[in-house]
Protein backbone atom coordinates (compact mmCIF):
# COMPACT_ATOMS: atom_id res chain seq x y z
CA MET A 1 58.03 53.92 145.45
CA THR A 2 59.98 55.81 143.52
CA ILE A 3 59.41 59.81 143.53
CA LEU A 4 58.50 60.98 139.89
CA THR A 5 61.65 62.95 138.62
CA PRO A 6 60.33 66.48 136.86
CA ALA A 7 61.50 67.59 133.32
CA ASN A 8 61.37 71.48 132.37
CA SER A 9 58.68 70.41 130.14
CA PHE A 10 55.23 72.16 129.34
CA ASP A 11 53.94 68.87 128.52
CA ASP A 12 49.98 67.64 127.16
CA VAL A 13 48.34 65.85 129.65
CA THR A 14 48.05 62.36 128.69
CA GLN A 15 44.34 60.63 129.18
CA LEU A 16 44.06 56.86 129.26
CA ASP A 17 41.20 55.31 127.17
CA THR A 18 39.11 53.20 128.56
CA THR A 19 41.23 50.66 126.60
CA THR A 20 44.59 51.04 127.98
CA ILE A 21 46.00 48.93 130.67
CA ALA A 22 47.24 51.30 133.63
CA ILE A 23 50.56 49.81 134.72
CA GLY A 24 52.73 51.70 136.65
CA GLY A 25 56.61 51.87 137.02
CA ALA A 26 58.65 53.85 134.77
CA GLY A 27 57.38 54.54 131.39
CA GLY A 28 54.29 52.99 132.61
CA ALA A 29 50.47 54.30 131.62
CA ALA A 30 49.10 55.11 134.74
CA ASN A 31 51.99 57.50 135.18
CA THR A 32 52.22 58.71 132.18
CA PRO A 33 49.78 62.03 132.75
CA LEU A 34 50.94 62.11 136.27
CA GLN A 35 54.15 62.59 134.65
CA ASN A 36 53.21 64.59 132.37
CA LEU A 37 51.84 67.31 135.47
CA CYS A 38 55.16 66.80 137.38
CA ASN A 39 56.61 68.52 134.12
CA ARG A 40 54.71 71.09 133.35
CA THR A 41 54.50 72.05 137.58
CA TYR A 42 58.39 71.99 136.90
CA TYR A 43 58.51 74.19 133.78
CA LEU A 44 56.06 76.59 136.04
CA LYS A 45 58.13 76.70 139.05
CA LEU A 46 61.37 77.22 137.11
CA ARG A 47 59.63 80.63 135.08
CA LEU A 48 58.39 81.59 138.50
CA ASP A 49 61.82 82.05 140.45
CA GLY A 50 63.16 83.75 136.74
CA LEU A 51 60.49 86.75 137.58
CA GLY A 52 61.00 87.10 141.10
CA LYS A 53 65.33 87.53 140.23
CA ALA A 54 64.26 89.59 136.70
CA ALA A 55 61.44 92.17 139.03
CA THR A 56 64.99 92.73 141.42
CA THR A 57 67.69 93.21 138.78
CA ASN A 58 65.68 93.88 135.68
CA ASN A 59 67.40 91.85 133.55
CA TYR A 60 65.98 89.85 130.78
CA ASN A 61 68.58 87.18 131.38
CA ASP A 62 67.66 87.04 135.02
CA LEU A 63 65.05 84.99 133.63
CA ALA A 64 65.55 81.16 134.31
CA ASN A 65 65.12 79.06 131.29
CA LEU A 66 64.44 81.20 128.67
CA PRO A 67 66.99 81.69 125.48
CA ALA A 68 69.46 84.10 125.91
CA LEU A 69 69.48 87.51 124.25
CA GLY A 70 70.12 87.31 120.35
CA SER A 71 70.20 83.93 120.09
CA ALA A 72 68.72 82.42 117.55
CA ALA A 73 66.08 80.08 119.87
CA TYR A 74 65.43 83.48 121.44
CA GLN A 75 64.10 84.85 118.32
CA ASN A 76 62.57 81.77 117.26
CA THR A 77 60.46 81.39 120.19
CA ALA A 78 57.40 80.63 119.20
CA SER A 79 55.10 82.64 121.61
CA PHE A 80 56.92 86.10 119.58
CA ALA A 81 54.91 86.50 115.76
CA SER A 82 58.62 87.73 115.22
CA ALA A 83 61.92 88.15 116.80
CA SER A 84 61.16 92.05 117.15
CA ASP A 85 57.29 91.52 118.84
CA GLY A 86 60.20 89.60 121.30
CA VAL A 87 62.05 92.59 121.40
CA LEU A 88 59.10 95.01 122.43
CA ALA A 89 57.90 92.40 124.87
CA ARG A 90 61.38 92.46 127.29
CA SER A 91 61.42 96.18 128.54
CA ALA A 92 65.18 95.23 129.59
CA VAL A 93 66.35 94.84 126.28
CA GLN A 94 70.13 96.88 126.49
CA PRO A 95 71.26 98.84 123.18
CA SER A 96 74.48 96.94 123.06
CA GLN A 97 71.97 94.32 122.80
CA LEU A 98 70.16 95.11 119.90
CA SER A 99 72.53 93.82 116.97
CA GLY A 100 71.57 90.45 117.38
CA TYR A 101 68.28 91.24 115.86
CA GLY A 102 69.39 93.62 112.99
CA ILE A 103 68.84 96.73 114.87
CA VAL A 104 71.50 99.43 115.41
CA ASN A 105 71.42 102.15 117.96
CA PRO A 106 71.99 105.47 115.86
CA ILE A 107 72.73 107.49 119.16
CA THR A 108 76.48 108.91 119.20
CA THR A 109 76.49 112.59 121.22
CA ALA A 110 74.69 113.23 124.43
CA GLY A 111 71.26 114.79 123.85
CA ASP A 112 70.26 112.37 120.53
CA MET A 113 67.30 111.34 120.06
CA ILE A 114 65.61 107.80 118.41
CA ILE A 115 62.80 108.70 116.41
CA GLY A 116 60.77 106.96 113.52
CA GLY A 117 62.32 107.89 110.29
CA SER A 118 60.67 108.15 107.07
CA THR A 119 61.52 104.54 106.50
CA GLY A 120 59.96 103.53 109.30
CA LEU A 121 63.53 102.35 110.85
CA GLN A 122 64.91 103.78 113.76
CA GLN A 123 67.64 106.84 113.28
CA ARG A 124 69.35 109.38 115.21
CA LEU A 125 68.00 113.19 115.87
CA PRO A 126 70.45 115.38 116.77
CA ALA A 127 70.37 117.21 119.86
CA GLY A 128 68.58 121.42 118.89
CA THR A 129 69.87 124.12 119.48
CA ASN A 130 69.50 126.16 122.85
CA THR A 131 66.04 127.14 123.37
CA TYR A 132 65.13 125.54 119.85
CA VAL A 133 61.41 123.15 120.72
CA LEU A 134 60.31 119.76 119.14
CA THR A 135 58.34 120.01 115.95
CA MET A 136 56.58 118.01 113.46
CA VAL A 137 57.76 118.47 109.95
CA GLY A 138 56.16 116.50 107.19
CA GLY A 139 54.93 113.90 109.76
CA TYR A 140 58.18 113.37 111.30
CA PRO A 141 60.27 115.24 114.37
CA ALA A 142 62.73 118.31 113.65
CA TRP A 143 63.90 121.28 115.67
CA ALA A 144 62.76 124.49 115.23
CA ALA A 145 63.46 127.77 116.44
CA SER A 146 61.84 128.08 119.63
CA GLY A 147 58.79 131.56 120.24
CA ALA A 148 59.96 131.68 123.32
CA SER A 149 60.81 135.18 124.63
CA ILE A 150 64.65 134.65 125.37
CA PRO A 151 66.30 136.15 122.37
CA ASN A 152 69.49 135.11 120.79
CA VAL A 153 71.85 138.14 120.79
CA GLN A 154 74.93 138.45 118.44
CA THR A 155 76.77 141.43 120.20
CA ILE A 156 79.46 143.33 119.08
CA THR A 157 81.77 145.73 120.17
CA SER A 158 82.66 147.54 117.32
CA ALA A 159 83.97 146.37 113.76
CA ALA A 160 84.16 147.71 110.31
CA THR A 161 81.78 145.17 108.65
CA VAL A 162 79.01 143.60 111.06
CA THR A 163 77.53 140.41 109.06
CA PRO A 164 74.40 139.39 111.12
CA THR A 165 72.66 135.48 111.47
CA TYR A 166 69.08 134.81 110.91
CA SER A 167 69.85 132.62 114.23
CA ASN A 168 69.57 135.84 115.70
CA ASP A 169 67.06 137.84 116.63
CA VAL A 170 68.78 140.99 117.72
CA VAL A 171 72.14 142.56 116.25
CA GLU A 172 73.51 144.97 119.28
CA ILE A 173 76.54 147.67 118.31
CA THR A 174 77.95 148.60 121.66
CA ALA A 175 80.52 151.28 120.84
CA GLN A 176 81.37 151.52 116.85
CA SER A 177 84.55 153.44 116.85
CA ALA A 178 84.71 153.14 113.02
CA GLY A 179 82.73 153.42 110.03
CA LEU A 180 79.71 150.59 109.68
CA THR A 181 79.12 148.53 106.87
CA ILE A 182 75.96 146.20 108.01
CA ALA A 183 76.59 142.90 105.76
CA ASN A 184 73.80 140.96 104.01
CA PRO A 185 72.94 138.46 106.52
CA THR A 186 73.69 134.44 106.44
CA GLY A 187 71.92 131.82 107.02
CA THR A 188 68.23 130.67 105.77
CA PRO A 189 65.43 133.45 106.81
CA ASN A 190 61.60 132.44 106.97
CA ASN A 191 59.21 134.79 105.37
CA GLY A 192 58.42 137.53 107.88
CA GLN A 193 61.35 137.19 110.13
CA ALA A 194 62.83 140.24 112.43
CA ILE A 195 65.94 141.07 113.08
CA LEU A 196 66.52 144.17 115.48
CA PHE A 197 69.49 146.04 115.27
CA ARG A 198 70.40 147.91 118.58
CA LEU A 199 73.48 149.77 117.88
CA LYS A 200 75.43 152.95 119.87
CA ASP A 201 78.68 154.51 118.78
CA ASN A 202 81.56 155.60 120.78
CA GLY A 203 80.62 158.93 121.62
CA THR A 204 81.30 160.33 117.93
CA ALA A 205 79.12 159.76 115.25
CA GLN A 206 80.36 156.83 112.84
CA THR A 207 78.55 156.66 108.94
CA ILE A 208 76.29 153.91 108.61
CA ALA A 209 76.21 150.88 105.15
CA PHE A 210 74.11 148.19 104.15
CA GLY A 211 74.63 145.52 102.14
CA THR A 212 72.19 144.84 98.90
CA ALA A 213 69.68 142.94 101.10
CA PHE A 214 68.73 145.73 103.14
CA ILE A 215 65.96 148.08 101.60
CA GLY A 216 64.18 151.51 103.94
CA ILE A 217 60.32 151.47 104.30
CA GLY A 218 59.15 154.79 105.13
CA GLY A 219 62.65 156.16 104.78
CA ALA A 220 65.83 156.36 103.26
CA LEU A 221 68.84 154.05 105.43
CA PRO A 222 70.30 155.83 107.79
CA THR A 223 73.99 156.98 107.02
CA THR A 224 75.35 157.82 110.55
CA THR A 225 74.86 157.09 114.14
CA THR A 226 73.87 159.72 115.92
CA ALA A 227 76.46 160.40 118.24
CA GLY A 228 76.62 158.84 122.40
CA LYS A 229 73.06 157.87 121.26
CA TRP A 230 71.14 154.15 120.86
CA GLU A 231 69.62 153.63 117.73
CA TYR A 232 66.84 151.13 116.93
CA PHE A 233 65.05 150.10 113.69
CA THR A 234 63.73 146.12 112.82
CA GLY A 235 64.66 144.71 109.64
CA ILE A 236 61.49 142.12 108.36
CA TYR A 237 62.84 139.83 105.71
CA SER A 238 60.22 139.44 102.74
CA SER A 239 60.24 136.29 100.31
CA ALA A 240 58.77 138.19 97.90
CA ASP A 241 61.54 140.20 96.90
CA SER A 242 64.39 138.47 98.79
CA LYS A 243 64.66 141.40 100.63
CA ILE A 244 65.50 142.96 104.40
CA HIS A 245 62.83 145.87 104.98
CA ILE A 246 64.23 148.26 107.07
CA ILE A 247 61.35 149.68 109.28
CA LEU A 248 61.35 153.28 109.42
CA PRO A 249 62.49 156.40 110.80
CA ALA A 250 65.07 154.75 113.43
CA ALA A 251 64.14 155.73 116.94
CA VAL A 252 66.82 156.97 118.63
CA GLN A 253 67.65 158.05 122.25
CA SER A 254 66.56 160.64 123.07
């Protein structure tokens, strides 16, 4: 008696009718349902064997007898509504394998993130500045300055002109040895954003001048340092007049 040879096919199982003549042999009607069941069993066995290997390697392509990633056959697999469903169903897809589906890996630099952009497609979000936090702006992820207690400090020993930046919280001048001009800050400020100025001369009083963006609140802007003493004053940006309001009087070391 000959053994049935299985085929890799998930067949429908034929039902013999009452009028079917049950003839054996290759292709005989009596053997057709048995061949169908043999084929289905073999089909399932191959896939179970592949699952065992893929579970070890975590690689879709180790799933035996399935279309290769990126192939037209894979994208048209009937079990997926679309090619993108097939991608989502296989967690082991590697970035280098996505191009076969019209998907481009947007990451170019360490620290980048992939986000859903305004068009609904994936796009690159560059790594944020140190201490920045991820937030939502207009419904999309974006980096923003952190409210953490670790300040960004711009430190200068001495300079004729110091230009603050709005990305810093503190401007520190440690040993000013010449007349000082604090220029208008660079960057884009937020309404109510504060900058703390902390300065000290080299033991000799030095003149202080301010850019046009500064105005004094509570008194006139300081015009000189106090020899050998730390001096503190705070500037708060106001979008109402696009000025930095220096809250006075300044605090001077006793």
